[in-house]
């Protein structure tokens, strides 16, 4: 990856989902508000400062560029398009989220 770019896995379970009451919500259902997505970082450019490989990042799916690498689908984005980072490296004393 170059500069401040991130390569993240595509969420394979982004289709149907279940509500807390057990109701199945199809992938084609319209959401009233924008819905952000979590994905795992698989590669990061040399100028990325707050994200490391293995972290989960929260981003808006509308701001993505998809790319296929070795038959797998990934998303390429800039670090500035990340809304939050969930990382194990923070330890037990903090939430692990950088907002």
PDB file of N, CA and C in Angstrom:
ATOM      1  N   UNK A   1       0.848  -1.174   0.000  1.00  0.00           N
ATOM      2  CA  UNK A   1       0.000   0.000   0.000  1.00  0.00           C
ATOM      3  C   UNK A   1       0.896   1.240   0.000  1.00  0.00           C
ATOM      4  N   UNK A   2       0.413   2.284  -0.616  1.00  0.00           N
ATOM      5  CA  UNK A   2       1.166   3.528  -0.697  1.00  0.00           C
ATOM      6  C   UNK A   2       0.570   4.594   0.214  1.00  0.00           C
ATOM      7  N   UNK A   3       1.404   5.517   0.636  1.00  0.00           N
ATOM      8  CA  UNK A   3       1.005   6.722   1.365  1.00  0.00           C
ATOM      9  C   UNK A   3       0.112   6.401   2.568  1.00  0.00           C
ATOM     10  N   UNK A   4      -1.092   6.988   2.636  1.00  0.00           N
ATOM     11  CA  UNK A   4      -1.976   6.811   3.791  1.00  0.00           C
ATOM     12  C   UNK A   4      -3.138   5.870   3.488  1.00  0.00           C
ATOM     13  N   UNK A   5      -2.923   4.923   2.587  1.00  0.00           N
ATOM     14  CA  UNK A   5      -3.998   4.018   2.178  1.00  0.00           C
ATOM     15  C   UNK A   5      -4.076   2.794   3.083  1.00  0.00           C
ATOM     16  N   UNK A   6      -5.309   2.295   3.224  1.00  0.00           N
ATOM     17  CA  UNK A   6      -5.570   1.074   3.978  1.00  0.00           C
ATOM     18  C   UNK A   6      -6.249   0.072   3.062  1.00  0.00           C
ATOM     19  N   UNK A   7      -5.962  -1.197   3.262  1.00  0.00           N
ATOM     20  CA  UNK A   7      -6.639  -2.279   2.558  1.00  0.00           C
ATOM     21  C   UNK A   7      -7.392  -3.068   3.619  1.00  0.00           C
ATOM     22  N   UNK A   8      -8.714  -3.151   3.482  1.00  0.00           N
ATOM     23  CA  UNK A   8      -9.527  -3.843   4.481  1.00  0.00           C
ATOM     24  C   UNK A   8     -10.336  -4.943   3.821  1.00  0.00           C
ATOM     25  N   UNK A   9     -10.648  -5.975   4.593  1.00  0.00           N
ATOM     26  CA  UNK A   9     -11.459  -7.084   4.102  1.00  0.00           C
ATOM     27  C   UNK A   9     -12.899  -6.634   3.913  1.00  0.00           C
ATOM     28  N   UNK A  10     -13.551  -7.216   2.928  1.00  0.00           N
ATOM     29  CA  UNK A  10     -14.977  -6.972   2.726  1.00  0.00           C
ATOM     30  C   UNK A  10     -15.738  -7.854   3.696  1.00  0.00           C
ATOM     31  N   UNK A  11     -16.711  -7.269   4.381  1.00  0.00           N
ATOM     32  CA  UNK A  11     -17.532  -8.016   5.336  1.00  0.00           C
ATOM     33  C   UNK A  11     -18.447  -8.958   4.568  1.00  0.00           C
ATOM     34  N   UNK A  12     -18.214 -10.242   4.704  1.00  0.00           N
ATOM     35  CA  UNK A  12     -19.001 -11.228   3.975  1.00  0.00           C
ATOM     36  C   UNK A  12     -20.412 -11.383   4.534  1.00  0.00           C
ATOM     37  N   UNK A  13     -20.629 -10.936   5.757  1.00  0.00           N
ATOM     38  CA  UNK A  13     -21.939 -11.080   6.385  1.00  0.00           C
ATOM     39  C   UNK A  13     -22.715  -9.773   6.344  1.00  0.00           C
ATOM     40  N   UNK A  14     -22.418  -8.919   5.371  1.00  0.00           N
ATOM     41  CA  UNK A  14     -23.092  -7.631   5.262  1.00  0.00           C
ATOM     42  C   UNK A  14     -24.470  -7.759   4.643  1.00  0.00           C
ATOM     43  N   UNK A  15     -24.866  -8.962   4.291  1.00  0.00           N
ATOM     44  CA  UNK A  15     -26.169  -9.193   3.683  1.00  0.00           C
ATOM     45  C   UNK A  15     -27.266  -9.153   4.730  1.00  0.00           C
ATOM     46  N   UNK A  16     -27.920 -10.278   4.908  1.00  0.00           N
ATOM     47  CA  UNK A  16     -28.986 -10.340   5.903  1.00  0.00           C
ATOM     48  C   UNK A  16     -28.419 -10.196   7.303  1.00  0.00           C
ATOM     49  N   UNK A  17     -29.212  -9.602   8.165  1.00  0.00           N
ATOM     50  CA  UNK A  17     -28.834  -9.512   9.572  1.00  0.00           C
ATOM     51  C   UNK A  17     -30.093  -9.670  10.416  1.00  0.00           C
ATOM     52  N   UNK A  18     -29.913  -9.886  11.702  1.00  0.00           N
ATOM     53  CA  UNK A  18     -31.050 -10.085  12.607  1.00  0.00           C
ATOM     54  C   UNK A  18     -31.122  -8.940  13.605  1.00  0.00           C
ATOM     55  N   UNK A  19     -32.347  -8.532  13.902  1.00  0.00           N
ATOM     56  CA  UNK A  19     -32.549  -7.520  14.934  1.00  0.00           C
ATOM     57  C   UNK A  19     -32.404  -8.189  16.291  1.00  0.00           C
ATOM     58  N   UNK A  20     -32.392  -7.389  17.357  1.00  0.00           N
ATOM     59  CA  UNK A  20     -32.269  -7.962  18.701  1.00  0.00           C
ATOM     60  C   UNK A  20     -33.469  -8.824  19.058  1.00  0.00           C
ATOM     61  N   UNK A  21     -34.601  -8.616  18.387  1.00  0.00           N
ATOM     62  CA  UNK A  21     -35.793  -9.424  18.613  1.00  0.00           C
ATOM     63  C   UNK A  21     -35.853 -10.671  17.753  1.00  0.00           C
ATOM     64  N   UNK A  22     -34.856 -10.877  16.879  1.00  0.00           N
ATOM     65  CA  UNK A  22     -34.798 -12.067  16.058  1.00  0.00           C
ATOM     66  C   UNK A  22     -35.407 -11.916  14.674  1.00  0.00           C
ATOM     67  N   UNK A  23     -35.825 -10.720  14.313  1.00  0.00           N
ATOM     68  CA  UNK A  23     -36.413 -10.494  12.995  1.00  0.00           C
ATOM     69  C   UNK A  23     -35.294 -10.413  11.964  1.00  0.00           C
ATOM     70  N   UNK A  24     -35.443 -11.132  10.856  1.00  0.00           N
ATOM     71  CA  UNK A  24     -34.452 -11.113   9.785  1.00  0.00           C
ATOM     72  C   UNK A  24     -34.661  -9.859   8.941  1.00  0.00           C
ATOM     73  N   UNK A  25     -33.580  -9.087   8.762  1.00  0.00           N
ATOM     74  CA  UNK A  25     -33.622  -7.866   7.959  1.00  0.00           C
ATOM     75  C   UNK A  25     -32.822  -8.147   6.683  1.00  0.00           C
ATOM     76  N   UNK A  26     -33.474  -8.142   5.506  1.00  0.00           N
ATOM     77  CA  UNK A  26     -32.751  -8.448   4.266  1.00  0.00           C
ATOM     78  C   UNK A  26     -31.758  -7.363   3.901  1.00  0.00           C
ATOM     79  N   UNK A  27     -30.772  -7.716   3.087  1.00  0.00           N
ATOM     80  CA  UNK A  27     -29.728  -6.780   2.671  1.00  0.00           C
ATOM     81  C   UNK A  27     -30.300  -5.630   1.854  1.00  0.00           C
ATOM     82  N   UNK A  28     -31.439  -5.845   1.225  1.00  0.00           N
ATOM     83  CA  UNK A  28     -32.037  -4.812   0.373  1.00  0.00           C
ATOM     84  C   UNK A  28     -32.899  -3.825   1.154  1.00  0.00           C
ATOM     85  N   UNK A  29     -33.064  -4.024   2.452  1.00  0.00           N
ATOM     86  CA  UNK A  29     -33.886  -3.118   3.261  1.00  0.00           C
ATOM     87  C   UNK A  29     -33.219  -1.757   3.364  1.00  0.00           C
ATOM     88  N   UNK A  30     -34.002  -0.703   3.163  1.00  0.00           N
ATOM     89  CA  UNK A  30     -33.467   0.660   3.244  1.00  0.00           C
ATOM     90  C   UNK A  30     -33.358   1.084   4.703  1.00  0.00           C
ATOM     91  N   UNK A  31     -32.230   1.695   5.025  1.00  0.00           N
ATOM     92  CA  UNK A  31     -32.021   2.206   6.374  1.00  0.00           C
ATOM     93  C   UNK A  31     -32.355   3.687   6.377  1.00  0.00           C
ATOM     94  N   UNK A  32     -32.945   4.177   7.475  1.00  0.00           N
ATOM     95  CA  UNK A  32     -33.312   5.579   7.575  1.00  0.00           C
ATOM     96  C   UNK A  32     -32.105   6.498   7.619  1.00  0.00           C
ATOM     97  N   UNK A  33     -31.049   6.064   8.242  1.00  0.00           N
ATOM     98  CA  UNK A  33     -29.838   6.887   8.379  1.00  0.00           C
ATOM     99  C   UNK A  33     -28.669   6.166   7.721  1.00  0.00           C
ATOM    100  N   UNK A  34     -27.565   6.880   7.604  1.00  0.00           N
ATOM    101  CA  UNK A  34     -26.365   6.242   7.061  1.00  0.00           C
ATOM    102  C   UNK A  34     -25.922   5.141   8.005  1.00  0.00           C
ATOM    103  N   UNK A  35     -25.462   4.053   7.450  1.00  0.00           N
ATOM    104  CA  UNK A  35     -24.991   2.938   8.260  1.00  0.00           C
ATOM    105  C   UNK A  35     -23.501   2.755   8.023  1.00  0.00           C
ATOM    106  N   UNK A  36     -22.718   2.798   9.089  1.00  0.00           N
ATOM    107  CA  UNK A  36     -21.274   2.592   9.010  1.00  0.00           C
ATOM    108  C   UNK A  36     -20.963   1.106   9.131  1.00  0.00           C
ATOM    109  N   UNK A  37     -19.806   0.700   8.642  1.00  0.00           N
ATOM    110  CA  UNK A  37     -19.410  -0.707   8.645  1.00  0.00           C
ATOM    111  C   UNK A  37     -18.064  -0.898   9.333  1.00  0.00           C
ATOM    112  N   UNK A  38     -17.896  -2.068   9.954  1.00  0.00           N
ATOM    113  CA  UNK A  38     -16.614  -2.457  10.544  1.00  0.00           C
ATOM    114  C   UNK A  38     -15.921  -3.420   9.598  1.00  0.00           C
ATOM    115  N   UNK A  39     -14.610  -3.282   9.428  1.00  0.00           N
ATOM    116  CA  UNK A  39     -13.813  -4.217   8.634  1.00  0.00           C
ATOM    117  C   UNK A  39     -12.429  -4.341   9.252  1.00  0.00           C
ATOM    118  N   UNK A  40     -11.774  -5.458   8.966  1.00  0.00           N
ATOM    119  CA  UNK A  40     -10.434  -5.713   9.482  1.00  0.00           C
ATOM    120  C   UNK A  40      -9.382  -5.222   8.487  1.00  0.00           C
ATOM    121  N   UNK A  41      -8.357  -4.536   8.991  1.00  0.00           N
ATOM    122  CA  UNK A  41      -7.268  -4.018   8.163  1.00  0.00           C
ATOM    123  C   UNK A  41      -6.300  -5.153   7.847  1.00  0.00           C
ATOM    124  N   UNK A  42      -5.999  -5.341   6.545  1.00  0.00           N
ATOM    125  CA  UNK A  42      -5.058  -6.389   6.138  1.00  0.00           C
ATOM    126  C   UNK A  42      -3.739  -5.811   5.630  1.00  0.00           C
ATOM    127  N   UNK A  43      -3.710  -4.511   5.283  1.00  0.00           N
ATOM    128  CA  UNK A  43      -2.471  -3.862   4.855  1.00  0.00           C
ATOM    129  C   UNK A  43      -2.609  -2.360   5.087  1.00  0.00           C
ATOM    130  N   UNK A  44      -1.482  -1.709   5.369  1.00  0.00           N
ATOM    131  CA  UNK A  44      -1.474  -0.266   5.614  1.00  0.00           C
ATOM    132  C   UNK A  44      -0.240   0.355   4.972  1.00  0.00           C
ATOM    133  N   UNK A  45      -0.410   1.549   4.430  1.00  0.00           N
ATOM    134  CA  UNK A  45       0.697   2.273   3.816  1.00  0.00           C
ATOM    135  C   UNK A  45       1.669   2.810   4.851  1.00  0.00           C
ATOM    136  N   UNK A  46       2.843   3.274   4.421  1.00  0.00           N
ATOM    137  CA  UNK A  46       3.876   3.733   5.354  1.00  0.00           C
ATOM    138  C   UNK A  46       3.525   5.028   6.093  1.00  0.00           C
ATOM    139  N   UNK A  47       2.582   5.797   5.608  1.00  0.00           N
ATOM    140  CA  UNK A  47       2.232   7.060   6.256  1.00  0.00           C
ATOM    141  C   UNK A  47       0.968   6.973   7.108  1.00  0.00           C
ATOM    142  N   UNK A  48       0.465   5.778   7.340  1.00  0.00           N
ATOM    143  CA  UNK A  48      -0.688   5.576   8.223  1.00  0.00           C
ATOM    144  C   UNK A  48      -0.195   5.675   9.654  1.00  0.00           C
ATOM    145  N   UNK A  49      -0.851   6.507  10.474  1.00  0.00           N
ATOM    146  CA  UNK A  49      -0.354   6.777  11.827  1.00  0.00           C
ATOM    147  C   UNK A  49      -1.146   6.086  12.933  1.00  0.00           C
ATOM    148  N   UNK A  50      -2.466   5.964  12.802  1.00  0.00           N
ATOM    149  CA  UNK A  50      -3.295   5.508  13.917  1.00  0.00           C
ATOM    150  C   UNK A  50      -3.822   4.092  13.768  1.00  0.00           C
ATOM    151  N   UNK A  51      -3.548   3.453  12.666  1.00  0.00           N
ATOM    152  CA  UNK A  51      -4.115   2.139  12.380  1.00  0.00           C
ATOM    153  C   UNK A  51      -2.993   1.163  12.068  1.00  0.00           C
ATOM    154  N   UNK A  52      -3.132  -0.068  12.557  1.00  0.00           N
ATOM    155  CA  UNK A  52      -2.166  -1.120  12.267  1.00  0.00           C
ATOM    156  C   UNK A  52      -2.891  -2.308  11.653  1.00  0.00           C
ATOM    157  N   UNK A  53      -2.145  -3.167  10.998  1.00  0.00           N
ATOM    158  CA  UNK A  53      -2.712  -4.384  10.425  1.00  0.00           C
ATOM    159  C   UNK A  53      -3.317  -5.214  11.552  1.00  0.00           C
ATOM    160  N   UNK A  54      -4.521  -5.701  11.337  1.00  0.00           N
ATOM    161  CA  UNK A  54      -5.230  -6.485  12.351  1.00  0.00           C
ATOM    162  C   UNK A  54      -6.278  -5.691  13.104  1.00  0.00           C
ATOM    163  N   UNK A  55      -6.206  -4.369  13.075  1.00  0.00           N
ATOM    164  CA  UNK A  55      -7.212  -3.526  13.725  1.00  0.00           C
ATOM    165  C   UNK A  55      -8.529  -3.607  12.964  1.00  0.00           C
ATOM    166  N   UNK A  56      -9.620  -3.330  13.659  1.00  0.00           N
ATOM    167  CA  UNK A  56     -10.921  -3.189  12.999  1.00  0.00           C
ATOM    168  C   UNK A  56     -11.207  -1.700  12.887  1.00  0.00           C
ATOM    169  N   UNK A  57     -11.660  -1.278  11.709  1.00  0.00           N
ATOM    170  CA  UNK A  57     -11.943   0.134  11.469  1.00  0.00           C
ATOM    171  C   UNK A  57     -13.404   0.328  11.102  1.00  0.00           C
ATOM    172  N   UNK A  58     -13.943   1.470  11.510  1.00  0.00           N
ATOM    173  CA  UNK A  58     -15.322   1.845  11.216  1.00  0.00           C
ATOM    174  C   UNK A  58     -15.279   2.891  10.114  1.00  0.00           C
ATOM    175  N   UNK A  59     -16.021   2.653   9.033  1.00  0.00           N
ATOM    176  CA  UNK A  59     -16.003   3.568   7.897  1.00  0.00           C
ATOM    177  C   UNK A  59     -17.366   3.572   7.217  1.00  0.00           C
ATOM    178  N   UNK A  60     -17.565   4.543   6.337  1.00  0.00           N
ATOM    179  CA  UNK A  60     -18.811   4.621   5.588  1.00  0.00           C
ATOM    180  C   UNK A  60     -18.654   3.833   4.286  1.00  0.00           C
ATOM    181  N   UNK A  61     -19.509   2.844   4.059  1.00  0.00           N
ATOM    182  CA  UNK A  61     -19.372   1.999   2.870  1.00  0.00           C
ATOM    183  C   UNK A  61     -19.526   2.753   1.544  1.00  0.00           C
ATOM    184  N   UNK A  62     -20.168   3.906   1.574  1.00  0.00           N
ATOM    185  CA  UNK A  62     -20.349   4.670   0.340  1.00  0.00           C
ATOM    186  C   UNK A  62     -19.029   5.273  -0.145  1.00  0.00           C
ATOM    187  N   UNK A  63     -18.060   5.457   0.749  1.00  0.00           N
ATOM    188  CA  UNK A  63     -16.769   6.069   0.411  1.00  0.00           C
ATOM    189  C   UNK A  63     -15.700   5.009   0.182  1.00  0.00           C
ATOM    190  N   UNK A  64     -16.022   3.988  -0.588  1.00  0.00           N
ATOM    191  CA  UNK A  64     -15.055   2.908  -0.731  1.00  0.00           C
ATOM    192  C   UNK A  64     -14.718   2.655  -2.199  1.00  0.00           C
ATOM    193  N   UNK A  65     -13.561   2.057  -2.412  1.00  0.00           N
ATOM    194  CA  UNK A  65     -13.136   1.588  -3.728  1.00  0.00           C
ATOM    195  C   UNK A  65     -12.814   0.112  -3.569  1.00  0.00           C
ATOM    196  N   UNK A  66     -13.544  -0.734  -4.253  1.00  0.00           N
ATOM    197  CA  UNK A  66     -13.325  -2.171  -4.137  1.00  0.00           C
ATOM    198  C   UNK A  66     -12.270  -2.623  -5.135  1.00  0.00           C
ATOM    199  N   UNK A  67     -11.488  -3.630  -4.721  1.00  0.00           N
ATOM    200  CA  UNK A  67     -10.449  -4.197  -5.578  1.00  0.00           C
ATOM    201  C   UNK A  67     -10.394  -5.698  -5.313  1.00  0.00           C
ATOM    202  N   UNK A  68     -10.120  -6.462  -6.370  1.00  0.00           N
ATOM    203  CA  UNK A  68      -9.994  -7.907  -6.229  1.00  0.00           C
ATOM    204  C   UNK A  68      -8.521  -8.278  -6.276  1.00  0.00           C
ATOM    205  N   UNK A  69      -8.060  -9.000  -5.252  1.00  0.00           N
ATOM    206  CA  UNK A  69      -6.672  -9.442  -5.163  1.00  0.00           C
ATOM    207  C   UNK A  69      -6.680 -10.947  -4.928  1.00  0.00           C
ATOM    208  N   UNK A  70      -6.085 -11.692  -5.848  1.00  0.00           N
ATOM    209  CA  UNK A  70      -5.995 -13.157  -5.743  1.00  0.00           C
ATOM    210  C   UNK A  70      -7.364 -13.786  -5.505  1.00  0.00           C
ATOM    211  N   UNK A  71      -8.371 -13.275  -6.186  1.00  0.00           N
ATOM    212  CA  UNK A  71      -9.710 -13.837  -6.088  1.00  0.00           C
ATOM    213  C   UNK A  71     -10.511 -13.384  -4.875  1.00  0.00           C
ATOM    214  N   UNK A  72      -9.928 -12.574  -4.008  1.00  0.00           N
ATOM    215  CA  UNK A  72     -10.618 -12.071  -2.817  1.00  0.00           C
ATOM    216  C   UNK A  72     -10.954 -10.600  -3.024  1.00  0.00           C
ATOM    217  N   UNK A  73     -12.081 -10.165  -2.487  1.00  0.00           N
ATOM    218  CA  UNK A  73     -12.525  -8.785  -2.622  1.00  0.00           C
ATOM    219  C   UNK A  73     -12.108  -7.976  -1.391  1.00  0.00           C
ATOM    220  N   UNK A  74     -11.469  -6.820  -1.628  1.00  0.00           N
ATOM    221  CA  UNK A  74     -11.013  -5.926  -0.566  1.00  0.00           C
ATOM    222  C   UNK A  74     -11.483  -4.508  -0.858  1.00  0.00           C
ATOM    223  N   UNK A  75     -11.330  -3.635   0.131  1.00  0.00           N
ATOM    224  CA  UNK A  75     -11.663  -2.220  -0.009  1.00  0.00           C
ATOM    225  C   UNK A  75     -10.409  -1.398   0.241  1.00  0.00           C
ATOM    226  N   UNK A  76     -10.155  -0.418  -0.622  1.00  0.00           N
ATOM    227  CA  UNK A  76      -9.040   0.503  -0.458  1.00  0.00           C
ATOM    228  C   UNK A  76      -9.609   1.849  -0.032  1.00  0.00           C
ATOM    229  N   UNK A  77      -9.023   2.437   1.018  1.00  0.00           N
ATOM    230  CA  UNK A  77      -9.499   3.732   1.505  1.00  0.00           C
ATOM    231  C   UNK A  77      -8.350   4.523   2.099  1.00  0.00           C
ATOM    232  N   UNK A  78      -8.566   5.806   2.301  1.00  0.00           N
ATOM    233  CA  UNK A  78      -7.590   6.654   2.981  1.00  0.00           C
ATOM    234  C   UNK A  78      -7.801   6.552   4.491  1.00  0.00           C
ATOM    235  N   UNK A  79      -6.749   6.798   5.239  1.00  0.00           N
ATOM    236  CA  UNK A  79      -6.859   6.765   6.706  1.00  0.00           C
ATOM    237  C   UNK A  79      -7.847   7.815   7.194  1.00  0.00           C
ATOM    238  N   UNK A  80      -7.922   8.942   6.529  1.00  0.00           N
ATOM    239  CA  UNK A  80      -8.823  10.012   6.972  1.00  0.00           C
ATOM    240  C   UNK A  80     -10.302   9.643   6.828  1.00  0.00           C
ATOM    241  N   UNK A  81     -10.629   8.569   6.079  1.00  0.00           N
ATOM    242  CA  UNK A  81     -12.008   8.125   5.934  1.00  0.00           C
ATOM    243  C   UNK A  81     -12.445   7.179   7.045  1.00  0.00           C
ATOM    244  N   UNK A  82     -11.541   6.879   7.973  1.00  0.00           N
ATOM    245  CA  UNK A  82     -11.852   5.994   9.097  1.00  0.00           C
ATOM    246  C   UNK A  82     -12.468   6.823  10.219  1.00  0.00           C
ATOM    247  N   UNK A  83     -13.612   6.360  10.735  1.00  0.00           N
ATOM    248  CA  UNK A  83     -14.309   7.065  11.813  1.00  0.00           C
ATOM    249  C   UNK A  83     -13.864   6.599  13.198  1.00  0.00           C
ATOM    250  N   UNK A  84     -13.483   5.316  13.333  1.00  0.00           N
ATOM    251  CA  UNK A  84     -13.054   4.774  14.625  1.00  0.00           C
ATOM    252  C   UNK A  84     -12.168   3.563  14.392  1.00  0.00           C
ATOM    253  N   UNK A  85     -11.341   3.237  15.396  1.00  0.00           N
ATOM    254  CA  UNK A  85     -10.442   2.086  15.334  1.00  0.00           C
ATOM    255  C   UNK A  85     -10.642   1.252  16.589  1.00  0.00           C
ATOM    256  N   UNK A  86     -10.841  -0.047  16.425  1.00  0.00           N
ATOM    257  CA  UNK A  86     -10.906  -0.976  17.548  1.00  0.00           C
ATOM    258  C   UNK A  86      -9.636  -1.805  17.517  1.00  0.00           C
ATOM    259  N   UNK A  87      -8.844  -1.733  18.606  1.00  0.00           N
ATOM    260  CA  UNK A  87      -7.545  -2.407  18.617  1.00  0.00           C
ATOM    261  C   UNK A  87      -7.314  -3.104  19.946  1.00  0.00           C
ATOM    262  N   UNK A  88      -6.734  -4.296  19.886  1.00  0.00           N
ATOM    263  CA  UNK A  88      -6.387  -5.036  21.104  1.00  0.00           C
ATOM    264  C   UNK A  88      -5.143  -4.472  21.773  1.00  0.00           C
ATOM    265  N   UNK A  89      -4.325  -3.745  21.052  1.00  0.00           N
ATOM    266  CA  UNK A  89      -3.045  -3.273  21.587  1.00  0.00           C
ATOM    267  C   UNK A  89      -3.201  -2.226  22.681  1.00  0.00           C
ATOM    268  N   UNK A  90      -4.372  -1.662  22.870  1.00  0.00           N
ATOM    269  CA  UNK A  90      -4.583  -0.625  23.877  1.00  0.00           C
ATOM    270  C   UNK A  90      -4.535  -1.223  25.277  1.00  0.00           C
ATOM    271  N   UNK A  91      -4.952  -2.462  25.430  1.00  0.00           N
ATOM    272  CA  UNK A  91      -4.924  -3.110  26.727  1.00  0.00           C
ATOM    273  C   UNK A  91      -6.278  -3.094  27.398  1.00  0.00           C
ATOM    274  N   UNK A  92      -6.342  -3.642  28.603  1.00  0.00           N
ATOM    275  CA  UNK A  92      -7.601  -3.774  29.333  1.00  0.00           C
ATOM    276  C   UNK A  92      -8.050  -2.485  29.993  1.00  0.00           C
ATOM    277  N   UNK A  93      -7.176  -1.518  30.161  1.00  0.00           N
ATOM    278  CA  UNK A  93      -7.522  -0.314  30.894  1.00  0.00           C
ATOM    279  C   UNK A  93      -8.327   0.676  30.076  1.00  0.00           C
ATOM    280  N   UNK A  94      -8.401   0.505  28.768  1.00  0.00           N
ATOM    281  CA  UNK A  94      -9.128   1.440  27.912  1.00  0.00           C
ATOM    282  C   UNK A  94     -10.138   0.679  27.061  1.00  0.00           C
ATOM    283  N   UNK A  95     -10.949   1.419  26.357  1.00  0.00           N
ATOM    284  CA  UNK A  95     -11.987   0.785  25.548  1.00  0.00           C
ATOM    285  C   UNK A  95     -11.444   0.165  24.279  1.00  0.00           C
ATOM    286  N   UNK A  96     -10.307   0.651  23.790  1.00  0.00           N
ATOM    287  CA  UNK A  96      -9.759   0.131  22.541  1.00  0.00           C
ATOM    288  C   UNK A  96     -10.291   0.866  21.336  1.00  0.00           C
ATOM    289  N   UNK A  97     -11.101   1.893  21.549  1.00  0.00           N
ATOM    290  CA  UNK A  97     -11.651   2.676  20.441  1.00  0.00           C
ATOM    291  C   UNK A  97     -11.019   4.063  20.435  1.00  0.00           C
ATOM    292  N   UNK A  98     -10.529   4.466  19.297  1.00  0.00           N
ATOM    293  CA  UNK A  98     -10.034   5.826  19.109  1.00  0.00           C
ATOM    294  C   UNK A  98     -11.058   6.547  18.269  1.00  0.00           C
ATOM    295  N   UNK A  99     -11.659   7.553  18.780  1.00  0.00           N
ATOM    296  CA  UNK A  99     -12.670   8.290  18.006  1.00  0.00           C
ATOM    297  C   UNK A  99     -12.144   9.621  17.575  1.00  0.00           C
TER     298      UNK A  99
END
